[in-house]
Full PDB file with SEQRES, HELIX, SHEET, SSBOND, CRYST1, ORIGX, SCALE, CONECT and MASTER records, all heavy atoms in Angstrom:
SEQRES   1 A   38  PRO ASP ASP LEU GLU GLN ALA TYR PRO GLU PHE ARG PRO          
SEQRES   2 A   38  PHE LEU GLY ARG CYS ARG PHE GLY ASP CYS ARG HIS ASP          
SEQRES   3 A   38  ARG GLU PRO GLY CYS ALA LEU GLN GLU ALA THR ARG              
HELIX    1 AA1 LEU A    4  ALA A    7  5                                   4    
HELIX    2 AA2 PRO A    9  PHE A   14  5                                   6    
HELIX    3 AA3 ALA A   32  THR A   37  1                                   6    
CRYST1    1.000    1.000    1.000  90.00  90.00  90.00 P 1           1          
ORIGX1      1.000000  0.000000  0.000000        0.00000                         
ORIGX2      0.000000  1.000000  0.000000        0.00000                         
ORIGX3      0.000000  0.000000  1.000000        0.00000                         
SCALE1      1.000000  0.000000  0.000000        0.00000                         
SCALE2      0.000000  1.000000  0.000000        0.00000                         
SCALE3      0.000000  0.000000  1.000000        0.00000                         
ATOM      1  N   PRO A   1      82.053  17.797 136.636  1.00  0.00           N  
ATOM      2  CA  PRO A   1      81.016  18.699 137.082  1.00  0.00           C  
ATOM      3  C   PRO A   1      81.539  20.181 137.144  1.00  0.00           C  
ATOM      4  O   PRO A   1      80.875  21.097 137.141  1.00  0.00           O  
ATOM      5  CB  PRO A   1      80.615  18.202 138.414  1.00  0.00           C  
ATOM      6  CG  PRO A   1      81.769  17.251 138.951  1.00  0.00           C  
ATOM      7  CD  PRO A   1      82.345  16.713 137.720  1.00  0.00           C  
ATOM      8  N   ASP A   2      82.924  20.326 137.494  1.00  0.00           N  
ATOM      9  CA  ASP A   2      83.362  21.636 137.727  1.00  0.00           C  
ATOM     10  C   ASP A   2      83.628  22.434 136.289  1.00  0.00           C  
ATOM     11  O   ASP A   2      83.788  23.614 136.391  1.00  0.00           O  
ATOM     12  CB  ASP A   2      84.766  21.632 138.461  1.00  0.00           C  
ATOM     13  CG  ASP A   2      84.541  20.957 139.891  1.00  0.00           C  
ATOM     14  OD1 ASP A   2      83.330  21.259 140.449  1.00  0.00           O  
ATOM     15  OD2 ASP A   2      85.469  20.413 140.375  1.00  0.00           O  
ATOM     16  N   ASP A   3      83.729  21.621 135.302  1.00  0.00           N  
ATOM     17  CA  ASP A   3      84.106  22.386 134.067  1.00  0.00           C  
ATOM     18  C   ASP A   3      82.950  22.196 133.007  1.00  0.00           C  
ATOM     19  O   ASP A   3      83.059  22.522 131.790  1.00  0.00           O  
ATOM     20  CB  ASP A   3      85.382  21.863 133.410  1.00  0.00           C  
ATOM     21  CG  ASP A   3      85.514  20.395 133.352  1.00  0.00           C  
ATOM     22  OD1 ASP A   3      84.580  19.700 133.624  1.00  0.00           O  
ATOM     23  OD2 ASP A   3      86.534  19.870 132.884  1.00  0.00           O  
ATOM     24  N   LEU A   4      81.797  21.564 133.379  1.00  0.00           N  
ATOM     25  CA  LEU A   4      80.716  21.387 132.571  1.00  0.00           C  
ATOM     26  C   LEU A   4      80.171  22.677 131.889  1.00  0.00           C  
ATOM     27  O   LEU A   4      79.804  22.747 130.825  1.00  0.00           O  
ATOM     28  CB  LEU A   4      79.517  20.732 133.291  1.00  0.00           C  
ATOM     29  CG  LEU A   4      78.322  20.395 132.390  1.00  0.00           C  
ATOM     30  CD1 LEU A   4      78.570  19.384 131.353  1.00  0.00           C  
ATOM     31  CD2 LEU A   4      77.132  19.857 133.324  1.00  0.00           C  
ATOM     32  N   GLU A   5      80.268  23.743 132.747  1.00  0.00           N  
ATOM     33  CA  GLU A   5      79.662  25.079 132.241  1.00  0.00           C  
ATOM     34  C   GLU A   5      80.429  25.470 131.044  1.00  0.00           C  
ATOM     35  O   GLU A   5      79.833  26.281 130.157  1.00  0.00           O  
ATOM     36  CB  GLU A   5      79.726  26.059 133.292  1.00  0.00           C  
ATOM     37  CG  GLU A   5      81.126  26.263 133.835  1.00  0.00           C  
ATOM     38  CD  GLU A   5      81.113  27.299 135.024  1.00  0.00           C  
ATOM     39  OE1 GLU A   5      80.235  27.314 135.752  1.00  0.00           O  
ATOM     40  OE2 GLU A   5      82.280  27.939 135.224  1.00  0.00           O  
ATOM     41  N   GLN A   6      81.607  25.141 130.915  1.00  0.00           N  
ATOM     42  CA  GLN A   6      82.432  25.571 129.664  1.00  0.00           C  
ATOM     43  C   GLN A   6      81.924  24.820 128.409  1.00  0.00           C  
ATOM     44  O   GLN A   6      82.266  25.374 127.286  1.00  0.00           O  
ATOM     45  CB  GLN A   6      83.914  25.344 129.922  1.00  0.00           C  
ATOM     46  CG  GLN A   6      84.451  26.173 131.023  1.00  0.00           C  
ATOM     47  CD  GLN A   6      84.508  27.736 130.594  1.00  0.00           C  
ATOM     48  OE1 GLN A   6      84.512  27.981 129.427  1.00  0.00           O  
ATOM     49  NE2 GLN A   6      84.612  28.470 131.645  1.00  0.00           N  
ATOM     50  N   ALA A   7      81.202  23.740 128.483  1.00  0.00           N  
ATOM     51  CA  ALA A   7      80.718  23.000 127.417  1.00  0.00           C  
ATOM     52  C   ALA A   7      79.443  23.474 126.878  1.00  0.00           C  
ATOM     53  O   ALA A   7      78.923  22.942 125.854  1.00  0.00           O  
ATOM     54  CB  ALA A   7      80.679  21.523 127.701  1.00  0.00           C  
ATOM     55  N   TYR A   8      78.932  24.528 127.530  1.00  0.00           N  
ATOM     56  CA  TYR A   8      77.632  25.245 127.115  1.00  0.00           C  
ATOM     57  C   TYR A   8      78.062  26.586 126.500  1.00  0.00           C  
ATOM     58  O   TYR A   8      78.272  27.516 127.305  1.00  0.00           O  
ATOM     59  CB  TYR A   8      76.676  25.378 128.365  1.00  0.00           C  
ATOM     60  CG  TYR A   8      75.982  24.104 128.647  1.00  0.00           C  
ATOM     61  CD1 TYR A   8      76.490  23.054 129.262  1.00  0.00           C  
ATOM     62  CD2 TYR A   8      74.556  23.948 128.243  1.00  0.00           C  
ATOM     63  CE1 TYR A   8      75.832  21.919 129.602  1.00  0.00           C  
ATOM     64  CE2 TYR A   8      73.819  22.989 128.659  1.00  0.00           C  
ATOM     65  CZ  TYR A   8      74.485  21.823 129.350  1.00  0.00           C  
ATOM     66  OH  TYR A   8      73.834  20.730 129.623  1.00  0.00           O  
ATOM     67  N   PRO A   9      78.269  26.644 125.227  1.00  0.00           N  
ATOM     68  CA  PRO A   9      78.815  27.930 124.655  1.00  0.00           C  
ATOM     69  C   PRO A   9      78.013  29.187 124.949  1.00  0.00           C  
ATOM     70  O   PRO A   9      78.682  30.280 125.092  1.00  0.00           O  
ATOM     71  CB  PRO A   9      78.889  27.671 123.195  1.00  0.00           C  
ATOM     72  CG  PRO A   9      77.978  26.540 122.991  1.00  0.00           C  
ATOM     73  CD  PRO A   9      77.932  25.733 124.165  1.00  0.00           C  
ATOM     74  N   GLU A  10      76.699  29.101 125.158  1.00  0.00           N  
ATOM     75  CA  GLU A  10      75.942  30.297 125.374  1.00  0.00           C  
ATOM     76  C   GLU A  10      76.174  30.793 126.858  1.00  0.00           C  
ATOM     77  O   GLU A  10      75.742  31.944 127.106  1.00  0.00           O  
ATOM     78  CB  GLU A  10      74.456  30.006 125.140  1.00  0.00           C  
ATOM     79  CG  GLU A  10      73.818  29.143 126.099  1.00  0.00           C  
ATOM     80  CD  GLU A  10      73.844  27.683 125.821  1.00  0.00           C  
ATOM     81  OE1 GLU A  10      74.989  27.167 125.287  1.00  0.00           O  
ATOM     82  OE2 GLU A  10      72.933  26.939 126.100  1.00  0.00           O  
ATOM     83  N   PHE A  11      76.656  30.005 127.677  1.00  0.00           N  
ATOM     84  CA  PHE A  11      76.958  30.381 129.038  1.00  0.00           C  
ATOM     85  C   PHE A  11      78.218  31.354 129.156  1.00  0.00           C  
ATOM     86  O   PHE A  11      78.245  32.138 130.038  1.00  0.00           O  
ATOM     87  CB  PHE A  11      77.180  29.203 129.994  1.00  0.00           C  
ATOM     88  CG  PHE A  11      75.952  28.412 130.310  1.00  0.00           C  
ATOM     89  CD1 PHE A  11      74.893  28.438 129.660  1.00  0.00           C  
ATOM     90  CD2 PHE A  11      76.113  27.329 131.151  1.00  0.00           C  
ATOM     91  CE1 PHE A  11      73.731  27.659 129.817  1.00  0.00           C  
ATOM     92  CE2 PHE A  11      74.984  26.458 131.484  1.00  0.00           C  
ATOM     93  CZ  PHE A  11      73.855  26.656 130.832  1.00  0.00           C  
ATOM     94  N   ARG A  12      79.052  31.209 128.242  1.00  0.00           N  
ATOM     95  CA  ARG A  12      80.457  31.795 128.446  1.00  0.00           C  
ATOM     96  C   ARG A  12      80.293  33.386 128.606  1.00  0.00           C  
ATOM     97  O   ARG A  12      81.120  33.883 129.482  1.00  0.00           O  
ATOM     98  CB  ARG A  12      81.334  31.527 127.274  1.00  0.00           C  
ATOM     99  CG  ARG A  12      81.600  30.030 127.222  1.00  0.00           C  
ATOM    100  CD  ARG A  12      82.434  29.594 126.017  1.00  0.00           C  
ATOM    101  NE  ARG A  12      82.561  28.157 125.983  1.00  0.00           N  
ATOM    102  CZ  ARG A  12      82.582  27.479 124.820  1.00  0.00           C  
ATOM    103  NH1 ARG A  12      82.762  28.132 123.593  1.00  0.00           N  
ATOM    104  NH2 ARG A  12      82.758  26.114 124.726  1.00  0.00           N  
ATOM    105  N   PRO A  13      79.441  34.094 127.984  1.00  0.00           N  
ATOM    106  CA  PRO A  13      79.446  35.519 128.131  1.00  0.00           C  
ATOM    107  C   PRO A  13      79.112  35.885 129.653  1.00  0.00           C  
ATOM    108  O   PRO A  13      79.400  37.061 130.018  1.00  0.00           O  
ATOM    109  CB  PRO A  13      78.382  36.002 127.026  1.00  0.00           C  
ATOM    110  CG  PRO A  13      78.424  34.954 126.102  1.00  0.00           C  
ATOM    111  CD  PRO A  13      78.576  33.710 126.828  1.00  0.00           C  
ATOM    112  N   PHE A  14      78.438  35.058 130.417  1.00  0.00           N  
ATOM    113  CA  PHE A  14      78.000  35.296 131.736  1.00  0.00           C  
ATOM    114  C   PHE A  14      78.825  34.718 132.755  1.00  0.00           C  
ATOM    115  O   PHE A  14      78.643  35.186 134.005  1.00  0.00           O  
ATOM    116  CB  PHE A  14      76.633  34.779 131.817  1.00  0.00           C  
ATOM    117  CG  PHE A  14      75.632  35.279 130.736  1.00  0.00           C  
ATOM    118  CD1 PHE A  14      75.271  34.432 129.721  1.00  0.00           C  
ATOM    119  CD2 PHE A  14      75.118  36.621 130.751  1.00  0.00           C  
ATOM    120  CE1 PHE A  14      74.504  34.830 128.642  1.00  0.00           C  
ATOM    121  CE2 PHE A  14      74.349  37.104 129.747  1.00  0.00           C  
ATOM    122  CZ  PHE A  14      74.007  36.231 128.636  1.00  0.00           C  
ATOM    123  N   LEU A  15      79.787  33.830 132.446  1.00  0.00           N  
ATOM    124  CA  LEU A  15      80.605  33.263 133.459  1.00  0.00           C  
ATOM    125  C   LEU A  15      81.593  34.320 134.048  1.00  0.00           C  
ATOM    126  O   LEU A  15      82.162  35.103 133.286  1.00  0.00           O  
ATOM    127  CB  LEU A  15      81.345  32.028 132.805  1.00  0.00           C  
ATOM    128  CG  LEU A  15      80.527  30.818 132.398  1.00  0.00           C  
ATOM    129  CD1 LEU A  15      81.482  29.786 131.693  1.00  0.00           C  
ATOM    130  CD2 LEU A  15      79.596  30.314 133.510  1.00  0.00           C  
ATOM    131  N   GLY A  16      81.806  34.230 135.324  1.00  0.00           N  
ATOM    132  CA  GLY A  16      82.782  35.203 136.010  1.00  0.00           C  
ATOM    133  C   GLY A  16      81.912  36.488 136.238  1.00  0.00           C  
ATOM    134  O   GLY A  16      82.555  37.385 136.973  1.00  0.00           O  
ATOM    135  N   ARG A  17      80.608  36.691 136.032  1.00  0.00           N  
ATOM    136  CA  ARG A  17      80.013  37.823 136.229  1.00  0.00           C  
ATOM    137  C   ARG A  17      78.980  37.734 137.514  1.00  0.00           C  
ATOM    138  O   ARG A  17      78.132  38.610 137.754  1.00  0.00           O  
ATOM    139  CB  ARG A  17      79.238  38.317 135.118  1.00  0.00           C  
ATOM    140  CG  ARG A  17      80.164  38.762 133.831  1.00  0.00           C  
ATOM    141  CD  ARG A  17      79.359  38.952 132.662  1.00  0.00           C  
ATOM    142  NE  ARG A  17      78.215  39.865 132.804  1.00  0.00           N  
ATOM    143  CZ  ARG A  17      77.475  40.201 131.727  1.00  0.00           C  
ATOM    144  NH1 ARG A  17      77.686  39.688 130.535  1.00  0.00           N  
ATOM    145  NH2 ARG A  17      76.471  41.050 131.946  1.00  0.00           N  
ATOM    146  N   CYS A  18      79.014  36.629 138.164  1.00  0.00           N  
ATOM    147  CA  CYS A  18      78.124  36.257 139.298  1.00  0.00           C  
ATOM    148  C   CYS A  18      78.670  37.099 140.510  1.00  0.00           C  
ATOM    149  O   CYS A  18      79.808  37.370 140.669  1.00  0.00           O  
ATOM    150  CB  CYS A  18      77.953  34.790 139.637  1.00  0.00           C  
ATOM    151  SG  CYS A  18      77.301  33.828 138.231  1.00  0.00           S  
ATOM    152  N   ARG A  19      77.760  37.287 141.495  1.00  0.00           N  
ATOM    153  CA  ARG A  19      78.230  37.959 142.637  1.00  0.00           C  
ATOM    154  C   ARG A  19      79.171  37.270 143.495  1.00  0.00           C  
ATOM    155  O   ARG A  19      80.203  37.933 144.000  1.00  0.00           O  
ATOM    156  CB  ARG A  19      76.908  38.187 143.574  1.00  0.00           C  
ATOM    157  CG  ARG A  19      77.230  39.039 144.911  1.00  0.00           C  
ATOM    158  CD  ARG A  19      76.025  39.110 145.745  1.00  0.00           C  
ATOM    159  NE  ARG A  19      74.871  39.810 145.120  1.00  0.00           N  
ATOM    160  CZ  ARG A  19      73.664  39.870 145.629  1.00  0.00           C  
ATOM    161  NH1 ARG A  19      73.487  39.434 146.881  1.00  0.00           N  
ATOM    162  NH2 ARG A  19      72.769  40.493 144.994  1.00  0.00           N  
ATOM    163  N   PHE A  20      79.140  35.897 143.588  1.00  0.00           N  
ATOM    164  CA  PHE A  20      80.094  35.156 144.296  1.00  0.00           C  
ATOM    165  C   PHE A  20      80.923  34.344 143.302  1.00  0.00           C  
ATOM    166  O   PHE A  20      80.473  33.795 142.339  1.00  0.00           O  
ATOM    167  CB  PHE A  20      79.361  34.142 145.138  1.00  0.00           C  
ATOM    168  CG  PHE A  20      78.381  34.738 146.232  1.00  0.00           C  
ATOM    169  CD1 PHE A  20      76.984  34.847 145.911  1.00  0.00           C  
ATOM    170  CD2 PHE A  20      78.964  35.454 147.218  1.00  0.00           C  
ATOM    171  CE1 PHE A  20      76.162  35.392 146.869  1.00  0.00           C  
ATOM    172  CE2 PHE A  20      78.113  36.139 148.162  1.00  0.00           C  
ATOM    173  CZ  PHE A  20      76.676  36.204 147.926  1.00  0.00           C  
ATOM    174  N   GLY A  21      82.243  34.413 143.553  1.00  0.00           N  
ATOM    175  CA  GLY A  21      83.243  33.689 142.644  1.00  0.00           C  
ATOM    176  C   GLY A  21      83.098  32.242 142.566  1.00  0.00           C  
ATOM    177  O   GLY A  21      83.409  31.684 141.547  1.00  0.00           O  
ATOM    178  N   ASP A  22      82.535  31.607 143.623  1.00  0.00           N  
ATOM    179  CA  ASP A  22      82.230  30.190 143.605  1.00  0.00           C  
ATOM    180  C   ASP A  22      80.849  29.791 143.312  1.00  0.00           C  
ATOM    181  O   ASP A  22      80.348  28.742 143.869  1.00  0.00           O  
ATOM    182  CB  ASP A  22      82.680  29.561 144.906  1.00  0.00           C  
ATOM    183  CG  ASP A  22      81.962  30.075 146.140  1.00  0.00           C  
ATOM    184  OD1 ASP A  22      81.301  31.147 145.969  1.00  0.00           O  
ATOM    185  OD2 ASP A  22      82.170  29.434 147.150  1.00  0.00           O  
ATOM    186  N   CYS A  23      80.171  30.641 142.578  1.00  0.00           N  
ATOM    187  CA  CYS A  23      78.757  30.444 142.317  1.00  0.00           C  
ATOM    188  C   CYS A  23      78.417  29.095 141.672  1.00  0.00           C  
ATOM    189  O   CYS A  23      79.110  28.772 140.709  1.00  0.00           O  
ATOM    190  CB  CYS A  23      78.121  31.697 141.473  1.00  0.00           C  
ATOM    191  SG  CYS A  23      76.346  31.571 141.258  1.00  0.00           S  
ATOM    192  N   ARG A  24      77.433  28.392 142.166  1.00  0.00           N  
ATOM    193  CA  ARG A  24      77.173  27.182 141.451  1.00  0.00           C  
ATOM    194  C   ARG A  24      75.940  27.290 140.565  1.00  0.00           C  
ATOM    195  O   ARG A  24      75.406  26.353 139.873  1.00  0.00           O  
ATOM    196  CB  ARG A  24      76.770  26.092 142.596  1.00  0.00           C  
ATOM    197  CG  ARG A  24      77.832  25.881 143.586  1.00  0.00           C  
ATOM    198  CD  ARG A  24      79.018  25.177 142.989  1.00  0.00           C  
ATOM    199  NE  ARG A  24      78.669  23.844 142.380  1.00  0.00           N  
ATOM    200  CZ  ARG A  24      79.597  23.038 141.618  1.00  0.00           C  
ATOM    201  NH1 ARG A  24      80.563  23.549 141.236  1.00  0.00           N  
ATOM    202  NH2 ARG A  24      79.087  21.810 141.297  1.00  0.00           N  
ATOM    203  N   HIS A  25      75.405  28.564 140.337  1.00  0.00           N  
ATOM    204  CA  HIS A  25      74.377  28.832 139.356  1.00  0.00           C  
ATOM    205  C   HIS A  25      73.101  28.117 139.735  1.00  0.00           C  
ATOM    206  O   HIS A  25      72.344  27.728 138.817  1.00  0.00           O  
ATOM    207  CB  HIS A  25      74.791  28.566 137.983  1.00  0.00           C  
ATOM    208  CG  HIS A  25      76.189  28.902 137.578  1.00  0.00           C  
ATOM    209  ND1 HIS A  25      76.588  30.195 137.752  1.00  0.00           N  
ATOM    210  CD2 HIS A  25      77.292  28.312 137.225  1.00  0.00           C  
ATOM    211  CE1 HIS A  25      77.979  30.405 137.391  1.00  0.00           C  
ATOM    212  NE2 HIS A  25      78.319  29.195 137.050  1.00  0.00           N  
ATOM    213  N   ASP A  26      72.833  27.842 140.935  1.00  0.00           N  
ATOM    214  CA  ASP A  26      71.662  27.147 141.448  1.00  0.00           C  
ATOM    215  C   ASP A  26      70.720  28.138 142.115  1.00  0.00           C  
ATOM    216  O   ASP A  26      69.754  28.589 141.538  1.00  0.00           O  
ATOM    217  CB  ASP A  26      72.194  25.941 142.295  1.00  0.00           C  
ATOM    218  CG  ASP A  26      70.899  24.935 142.399  1.00  0.00           C  
ATOM    219  OD1 ASP A  26      69.936  25.110 141.992  1.00  0.00           O  
ATOM    220  OD2 ASP A  26      71.044  23.902 143.063  1.00  0.00           O  
ATOM    221  N   ARG A  27      70.945  28.303 143.419  1.00  0.00           N  
ATOM    222  CA  ARG A  27      69.919  29.131 144.161  1.00  0.00           C  
ATOM    223  C   ARG A  27      70.742  30.434 144.707  1.00  0.00           C  
ATOM    224  O   ARG A  27      70.157  31.104 145.527  1.00  0.00           O  
ATOM    225  CB  ARG A  27      69.416  28.464 145.327  1.00  0.00           C  
ATOM    226  CG  ARG A  27      68.631  27.213 144.880  1.00  0.00           C  
ATOM    227  CD  ARG A  27      68.050  26.431 146.089  1.00  0.00           C  
ATOM    228  NE  ARG A  27      67.151  25.350 145.577  1.00  0.00           N  
ATOM    229  CZ  ARG A  27      67.692  24.094 145.330  1.00  0.00           C  
ATOM    230  NH1 ARG A  27      68.917  23.964 145.426  1.00  0.00           N  
ATOM    231  NH2 ARG A  27      66.821  23.139 144.967  1.00  0.00           N  
ATOM    232  N   GLU A  28      71.905  30.635 144.303  1.00  0.00           N  
ATOM    233  CA  GLU A  28      72.706  31.678 144.893  1.00  0.00           C  
ATOM    234  C   GLU A  28      72.194  33.135 144.396  1.00  0.00           C  
ATOM    235  O   GLU A  28      71.821  33.064 143.111  1.00  0.00           O  
ATOM    236  CB  GLU A  28      74.259  31.620 144.488  1.00  0.00           C  
ATOM    237  CG  GLU A  28      74.950  30.457 145.018  1.00  0.00           C  
ATOM    238  CD  GLU A  28      74.774  29.287 144.162  1.00  0.00           C  
ATOM    239  OE1 GLU A  28      74.020  29.263 143.166  1.00  0.00           O  
ATOM    240  OE2 GLU A  28      75.680  28.348 144.327  1.00  0.00           O  
ATOM    241  N   PRO A  29      72.148  34.070 145.159  1.00  0.00           N  
ATOM    242  CA  PRO A  29      71.731  35.489 144.736  1.00  0.00           C  
ATOM    243  C   PRO A  29      72.744  36.072 143.911  1.00  0.00           C  
ATOM    244  O   PRO A  29      74.029  35.692 143.995  1.00  0.00           O  
ATOM    245  CB  PRO A  29      71.476  36.198 146.049  1.00  0.00           C  
ATOM    246  CG  PRO A  29      72.337  35.568 147.006  1.00  0.00           C  
ATOM    247  CD  PRO A  29      72.357  33.915 146.730  1.00  0.00           C  
ATOM    248  N   GLY A  30      72.389  36.919 142.877  1.00  0.00           N  
ATOM    249  CA  GLY A  30      73.269  37.548 142.098  1.00  0.00           C  
ATOM    250  C   GLY A  30      73.979  36.801 141.018  1.00  0.00           C  
ATOM    251  O   GLY A  30      75.048  37.002 140.530  1.00  0.00           O  
ATOM    252  N   CYS A  31      73.265  35.576 140.659  1.00  0.00           N  
ATOM    253  CA  CYS A  31      73.808  34.688 139.699  1.00  0.00           C  
ATOM    254  C   CYS A  31      73.518  35.209 138.288  1.00  0.00           C  
ATOM    255  O   CYS A  31      72.430  35.406 137.873  1.00  0.00           O  
ATOM    256  CB  CYS A  31      73.204  33.238 139.840  1.00  0.00           C  
ATOM    257  SG  CYS A  31      73.699  32.112 138.551  1.00  0.00           S  
ATOM    258  N   ALA A  32      74.649  35.498 137.549  1.00  0.00           N  
ATOM    259  CA  ALA A  32      74.474  35.934 136.168  1.00  0.00           C  
ATOM    260  C   ALA A  32      73.791  35.049 135.249  1.00  0.00           C  
ATOM    261  O   ALA A  32      72.985  35.459 134.394  1.00  0.00           O  
ATOM    262  CB  ALA A  32      75.852  36.442 135.607  1.00  0.00           C  
ATOM    263  N   LEU A  33      74.000  33.800 135.470  1.00  0.00           N  
ATOM    264  CA  LEU A  33      73.356  32.694 134.523  1.00  0.00           C  
ATOM    265  C   LEU A  33      71.846  32.673 134.854  1.00  0.00           C  
ATOM    266  O   LEU A  33      71.023  32.427 133.936  1.00  0.00           O  
ATOM    267  CB  LEU A  33      74.004  31.383 134.784  1.00  0.00           C  
ATOM    268  CG  LEU A  33      75.172  30.937 133.723  1.00  0.00           C  
ATOM    269  CD1 LEU A  33      75.656  29.622 134.072  1.00  0.00           C  
ATOM    270  CD2 LEU A  33      74.539  31.140 132.347  1.00  0.00           C  
ATOM    271  N   GLN A  34      71.532  32.679 136.112  1.00  0.00           N  
ATOM    272  CA  GLN A  34      70.127  32.620 136.417  1.00  0.00           C  
ATOM    273  C   GLN A  34      69.346  33.934 135.866  1.00  0.00           C  
ATOM    274  O   GLN A  34      68.297  33.758 135.260  1.00  0.00           O  
ATOM    275  CB  GLN A  34      69.873  32.674 137.931  1.00  0.00           C  
ATOM    276  CG  GLN A  34      70.355  31.314 138.651  1.00  0.00           C  
ATOM    277  CD  GLN A  34      70.108  31.436 140.167  1.00  0.00           C  
ATOM    278  OE1 GLN A  34      69.075  31.809 140.545  1.00  0.00           O  
ATOM    279  NE2 GLN A  34      71.055  31.105 140.884  1.00  0.00           N  
ATOM    280  N   GLU A  35      70.041  35.026 135.851  1.00  0.00           N  
ATOM    281  CA  GLU A  35      69.483  36.222 135.304  1.00  0.00           C  
ATOM    282  C   GLU A  35      69.298  36.098 133.713  1.00  0.00           C  
ATOM    283  O   GLU A  35      68.399  36.630 133.220  1.00  0.00           O  
ATOM    284  CB  GLU A  35      70.269  37.522 135.816  1.00  0.00           C  
ATOM    285  CG  GLU A  35      69.756  38.804 135.183  1.00  0.00           C  
ATOM    286  CD  GLU A  35      68.383  39.087 135.493  1.00  0.00           C  
ATOM    287  OE1 GLU A  35      67.889  38.681 136.713  1.00  0.00           O  
ATOM    288  OE2 GLU A  35      67.625  39.608 134.649  1.00  0.00           O  
ATOM    289  N   ALA A  36      70.282  35.586 133.148  1.00  0.00           N  
ATOM    290  CA  ALA A  36      70.273  35.352 131.758  1.00  0.00           C  
ATOM    291  C   ALA A  36      69.250  34.443 131.280  1.00  0.00           C  
ATOM    292  O   ALA A  36      68.568  34.631 130.296  1.00  0.00           O  
ATOM    293  CB  ALA A  36      71.636  34.883 131.212  1.00  0.00           C  
ATOM    294  N   THR A  37      68.965  33.532 132.202  1.00  0.00           N  
ATOM    295  CA  THR A  37      67.789  32.560 131.974  1.00  0.00           C  
ATOM    296  C   THR A  37      66.478  33.295 131.974  1.00  0.00           C  
ATOM    297  O   THR A  37      65.562  33.140 131.193  1.00  0.00           O  
ATOM    298  CB  THR A  37      67.831  31.338 132.818  1.00  0.00           C  
ATOM    299  OG1 THR A  37      69.151  30.764 132.687  1.00  0.00           O  
ATOM    300  CG2 THR A  37      66.751  30.395 132.481  1.00  0.00           C  
ATOM    301  N   ARG A  38      66.358  34.120 132.954  1.00  0.00           N  
ATOM    302  CA  ARG A  38      65.063  34.860 133.215  1.00  0.00           C  
ATOM    303  C   ARG A  38      64.901  35.858 132.039  1.00  0.00           C  
ATOM    304  O   ARG A  38      63.617  36.041 131.714  1.00  0.00           O  
ATOM    305  CB  ARG A  38      65.153  35.530 134.653  1.00  0.00           C  
ATOM    306  CG  ARG A  38      64.949  34.589 135.749  1.00  0.00           C  
ATOM    307  CD  ARG A  38      64.669  35.438 137.103  1.00  0.00           C  
ATOM    308  NE  ARG A  38      65.907  36.086 137.470  1.00  0.00           N  
ATOM    309  CZ  ARG A  38      66.785  35.575 138.410  1.00  0.00           C  
ATOM    310  NH1 ARG A  38      66.487  34.466 138.832  1.00  0.00           N  
ATOM    311  NH2 ARG A  38      67.862  36.330 138.696  1.00  0.00           N  
TER     312      ARG A  38                                                      
MASTER        0    0    0    3    0    0    0    6  311    1    0    3          
END                                                                             
Protein backbone atom coordinates (compact mmCIF):
# COMPACT_ATOMS: atom_id res chain seq x y z
CA PRO A 1 0.00 0.00 0.00
CA ASP A 2 2.88 2.41 0.63
CA ASP A 3 4.46 2.07 -2.81
CA LEU A 4 1.34 1.53 -4.90
CA GLU A 5 1.40 5.16 -6.09
CA GLN A 6 4.68 4.46 -7.90
CA ALA A 7 2.92 1.84 -10.04
CA TYR A 8 0.67 4.56 -11.53
CA PRO A 9 3.03 6.31 -13.98
CA GLU A 10 0.77 9.34 -14.47
CA PHE A 11 0.98 10.08 -10.72
CA ARG A 12 4.75 10.54 -10.68
CA PRO A 13 4.92 14.19 -11.83
CA PHE A 14 2.72 15.13 -8.84
CA LEU A 15 4.28 13.00 -6.11
CA GLY A 16 6.20 15.03 -3.53
CA ARG A 17 4.25 18.18 -4.38
CA CYS A 18 1.51 17.82 -1.77
CA ARG A 19 1.28 20.23 1.17
CA PHE A 20 1.97 17.43 3.64
CA GLY A 21 4.89 15.05 3.24
CA ASP A 22 2.84 12.09 4.49
CA CYS A 23 -0.18 12.88 2.30
CA ARG A 24 -2.35 9.85 1.62
CA HIS A 25 -4.02 11.58 -1.36
CA ASP A 26 -7.44 11.01 0.13
CA ARG A 27 -9.04 13.96 1.96
CA GLU A 28 -5.98 15.99 2.90
CA PRO A 29 -5.94 19.67 1.87
CA GLY A 30 -3.28 20.73 -0.60
CA CYS A 31 -3.02 17.30 -2.24
CA ALA A 32 -1.37 17.60 -5.65
CA LEU A 33 -2.92 14.35 -6.89
CA GLN A 34 -6.43 15.47 -5.98
CA GLU A 35 -5.84 18.75 -7.81
CA ALA A 36 -4.46 16.89 -10.84
CA THR A 37 -7.62 14.79 -10.88
CA ARG A 38 -9.86 17.86 -10.70
